[in-house]
Protein backbone atom coordinates (compact mmCIF):
# COMPACT_ATOMS: atom_id res chain seq x y z
CA UNK A 1 0.32 -0.12 -0.04
CA UNK A 2 1.01 3.22 -0.66
CA UNK A 3 2.59 5.59 2.18
CA UNK A 4 0.96 8.79 2.61
CA UNK A 5 0.82 11.28 5.37
CA UNK A 6 -2.29 12.68 7.18
CA UNK A 7 -2.52 15.77 4.53
CA UNK A 8 -2.41 13.44 1.65
CA UNK A 9 -5.28 11.21 3.05
CA UNK A 10 -7.36 14.30 3.61
CA UNK A 11 -6.82 15.44 0.38
CA UNK A 12 -7.94 12.14 -1.30
CA UNK A 13 -10.82 11.99 0.90
CA UNK A 14 -11.62 15.26 -0.02
CA UNK A 15 -11.52 14.59 -3.75
CA UNK A 16 -12.99 11.40 -3.28
CA UNK A 17 -16.47 12.86 -1.96
CA UNK A 18 -16.31 15.22 -4.89
CA UNK A 19 -15.92 12.32 -7.40
CA UNK A 20 -19.65 11.36 -7.15
CA UNK A 21 -20.52 9.93 -3.95
CA UNK A 22 -17.12 8.63 -3.01
CA UNK A 23 -16.99 4.72 -1.71
CA UNK A 24 -16.81 4.10 1.53
CA UNK A 25 -18.65 7.78 2.29
CA UNK A 26 -22.03 8.30 2.96
CA UNK A 27 -24.76 6.26 1.36
CA UNK A 28 -23.24 5.17 -1.92
CA UNK A 29 -23.88 1.79 -1.67
CA UNK A 30 -27.58 2.26 -0.62
CA UNK A 31 -28.22 4.53 -3.75
CA UNK A 32 -26.33 3.11 -6.31
CA UNK A 33 -25.56 -0.28 -5.07
CA UNK A 34 -22.68 -2.32 -6.84
CA UNK A 35 -23.04 -0.08 -9.96
CA UNK A 36 -19.39 1.08 -10.01
CA UNK A 37 -18.16 -2.73 -10.07
CA UNK A 38 -21.08 -3.36 -12.44
CA UNK A 39 -20.19 -0.24 -15.06
CA UNK A 40 -16.46 -1.24 -15.00
CA UNK A 41 -16.99 -5.26 -15.62
CA UNK A 42 -19.59 -4.22 -18.91
CA UNK A 43 -16.09 -2.65 -20.44
CA UNK A 44 -14.08 -4.84 -22.97
CA UNK A 45 -10.92 -4.75 -25.21
CA UNK A 46 -9.30 -1.27 -25.07
CA UNK A 47 -11.42 0.81 -22.53
CA UNK A 48 -11.47 4.40 -21.70
CA UNK A 49 -12.88 6.18 -18.87
CA UNK A 50 -14.18 9.61 -19.11
CA UNK A 51 -14.01 11.98 -16.23
CA UNK A 52 -11.82 9.24 -14.17
CA UNK A 53 -12.08 11.68 -10.92
CA UNK A 54 -10.11 10.52 -7.89
CA UNK A 55 -9.81 6.83 -9.34
CA UNK A 56 -12.65 5.35 -7.45
CA UNK A 57 -13.38 2.92 -10.14
CA UNK A 58 -10.05 1.61 -10.93
CA UNK A 59 -10.37 -1.43 -8.67
CA UNK A 60 -13.05 -2.84 -10.33
CA UNK A 61 -11.87 -3.45 -14.10
CA UNK A 62 -10.99 -6.75 -15.10
CA UNK A 63 -7.13 -7.12 -15.08
CA UNK A 64 -6.86 -8.17 -18.78
CA UNK A 65 -8.33 -4.50 -19.94
CA UNK A 66 -5.90 -1.82 -21.45
CA UNK A 67 -7.51 0.90 -19.72
CA UNK A 68 -7.05 4.70 -20.11
CA UNK A 69 -8.60 7.27 -17.66
CA UNK A 70 -8.81 10.87 -18.32
CA UNK A 71 -10.15 14.17 -16.27
CA UNK A 72 -9.89 17.76 -16.59
CA UNK A 73 -8.57 18.00 -13.40
CA UNK A 74 -5.03 17.69 -12.94
CA UNK A 75 -5.30 17.27 -9.13
CA UNK A 76 -7.94 14.33 -9.38
CA UNK A 77 -5.39 12.69 -11.98
CA UNK A 78 -2.81 12.77 -9.76
CA UNK A 79 -4.77 11.40 -6.97
CA UNK A 80 -6.46 8.49 -9.43
CA UNK A 81 -2.06 7.82 -10.46
CA UNK A 82 -1.59 7.47 -6.56
CA UNK A 83 -4.27 5.11 -6.41
CA UNK A 84 -3.32 2.97 -9.44
CA UNK A 85 0.11 3.06 -7.52
CA UNK A 86 -1.45 1.73 -4.37
CA UNK A 87 -3.31 -1.29 -6.53
CA UNK A 88 -0.43 -1.89 -8.80
CA UNK A 89 -2.37 -1.34 -11.75
CA UNK A 90 -1.15 -0.19 -15.12
CA UNK A 91 -3.43 2.21 -16.31
CA UNK A 92 -2.76 5.13 -18.36
CA UNK A 93 -3.92 8.49 -16.67
CA UNK A 94 -4.00 11.91 -18.29
CA UNK A 95 -5.19 15.38 -18.29
CA UNK A 96 -7.98 15.71 -21.16
CA UNK A 97 -11.32 17.34 -21.54
CA UNK A 98 -13.76 14.43 -22.64
CA UNK A 99 -14.84 17.42 -25.30
CA UNK A 100 -12.17 17.35 -27.26
CA UNK A 101 -10.40 14.06 -26.69
CA UNK A 102 -6.72 13.77 -27.85
CA UNK A 103 -7.29 10.02 -29.25
CA UNK A 104 -7.66 8.85 -33.03
CA UNK A 105 -11.26 8.03 -34.31
CA UNK A 106 -12.27 4.40 -33.73
CA UNK A 107 -9.61 3.60 -30.93
CA UNK A 108 -11.26 1.97 -28.12
CA UNK A 109 -13.58 -0.65 -27.57
CA UNK A 110 -15.87 0.51 -24.64
CA UNK A 111 -15.96 4.11 -23.33
CA UNK A 112 -17.02 3.99 -19.49
CA UNK A 113 -18.34 7.00 -17.13
CA UNK A 114 -19.56 7.33 -13.98
CA UNK A 115 -21.55 9.86 -11.86
CA UNK A 116 -19.59 12.60 -14.31
CA UNK A 117 -21.68 13.28 -17.30
CA UNK A 118 -24.37 15.55 -15.27
CA UNK A 119 -21.36 17.85 -14.40
CA UNK A 120 -20.02 18.80 -18.25
CA UNK A 121 -21.13 21.81 -19.94
CA UNK A 122 -22.47 20.15 -23.17
CA UNK A 123 -23.57 16.80 -22.54
CA UNK A 124 -24.27 16.27 -26.49
CA UNK A 125 -20.58 17.03 -27.15
CA UNK A 126 -18.71 14.97 -24.79
CA UNK A 127 -20.95 11.75 -25.83
CA UNK A 128 -20.38 12.63 -29.49
CA UNK A 129 -16.52 12.45 -28.71
CA UNK A 130 -17.16 9.36 -27.16
CA UNK A 131 -18.94 8.42 -30.51
CA UNK A 132 -15.90 9.59 -32.48
CA UNK A 133 -13.49 7.67 -30.30
CA UNK A 134 -15.28 4.28 -29.89
CA UNK A 135 -15.00 1.74 -32.83
CA UNK A 136 -18.34 0.49 -34.80
CA UNK A 137 -19.73 -1.80 -32.21
CA UNK A 138 -18.05 -0.59 -28.84
CA UNK A 139 -20.36 0.18 -26.13
CA UNK A 140 -20.32 3.18 -23.90
CA UNK A 141 -21.48 2.45 -20.51
CA UNK A 142 -22.45 5.07 -18.31
CA UNK A 143 -23.81 5.64 -14.41
CA UNK A 144 -25.32 9.13 -13.86
CA UNK A 145 -27.79 10.68 -11.35
CA UNK A 146 -30.91 13.11 -11.90
CA UNK A 147 -30.23 16.87 -12.36
CA UNK A 148 -32.50 19.29 -13.64
CA UNK A 149 -31.06 19.08 -17.19
CA UNK A 150 -32.57 15.60 -17.58
CA UNK A 151 -35.87 17.12 -18.46
CA UNK A 152 -34.10 18.06 -21.93
CA UNK A 153 -33.17 14.38 -22.03
CA UNK A 154 -31.34 11.71 -19.96
CA UNK A 155 -27.75 10.50 -20.65
CA UNK A 156 -29.47 7.42 -22.54
CA UNK A 157 -31.48 9.78 -24.43
CA UNK A 158 -28.91 12.35 -25.39
CA UNK A 159 -26.79 9.28 -26.32
CA UNK A 160 -29.20 7.94 -29.10
CA UNK A 161 -29.25 11.37 -30.28
CA UNK A 162 -25.75 11.38 -31.07
CA UNK A 163 -26.23 7.96 -32.90
CA UNK A 164 -25.99 5.27 -30.63
CA UNK A 165 -28.04 2.91 -29.86
CA UNK A 166 -29.67 1.63 -26.49
CA UNK A 167 -28.76 -1.67 -25.53
CA UNK A 168 -29.84 -1.47 -21.69
CA UNK A 169 -31.31 0.95 -19.15
CA UNK A 170 -31.67 0.31 -15.48
CA UNK A 171 -33.15 3.18 -13.35
CA UNK A 172 -32.20 2.95 -9.79
CA UNK A 173 -33.42 4.53 -6.47
CA UNK A 174 -36.75 5.78 -7.70
CA UNK A 175 -35.38 6.72 -10.87
CA UNK A 176 -32.54 9.17 -9.53
CA UNK A 177 -29.94 7.06 -10.72
CA UNK A 178 -29.84 5.47 -14.12
CA UNK A 179 -27.19 2.81 -15.49
CA UNK A 180 -26.85 2.83 -19.19
CA UNK A 181 -25.32 0.79 -21.95
CA UNK A 182 -25.04 2.36 -25.28
CA UNK A 183 -23.77 0.47 -28.52
CA UNK A 184 -22.12 2.52 -31.65
CA UNK A 185 -23.74 0.91 -34.68
CA UNK A 186 -21.89 -0.95 -37.31
CA UNK A 187 -22.27 0.66 -40.58
CA UNK A 188 -24.96 -1.58 -42.49
CA UNK A 189 -26.37 -3.09 -39.59
CA UNK A 190 -29.35 -2.88 -37.23
CA UNK A 191 -27.70 -2.69 -33.97
């Protein structure tokens, strides 16, 4: 385990709480159950995690995946890197904006994002970038919670608007949270 001093641990806890609901903090398990694990277990092949935050999801990915994790916040990326070191996982973490990803078209098999689509300025632009970087047949797996902009379309609806096909949608905690799988169609295919 990574040795940290008291101020490092306090910093990590603060960022964990700001990165979604913070595993081990408050009532996350009551609200979303095993959703972080579920989302990460859906990923396959080369996977991109958008808005990695402080790295709360990193322990849930299967060991055989190639994972690239990005966040717009440098401090969170640093904490995610510390968490990776403690876990002994080889995941590439980088600072990047989900609305302007520094990756080639069709370069990932899966894109994962938990409790973050609600925070981006332009959800459609972020999901359009996910569409651009994911290979045909690849999937985007999301976990998100209710916020006012959902009146204009939940993440699944916005994803369908940018071209994805809905594969699975499950609402949790009276519909306040939603787990979603979207697939990028293969040209000439109905799904």
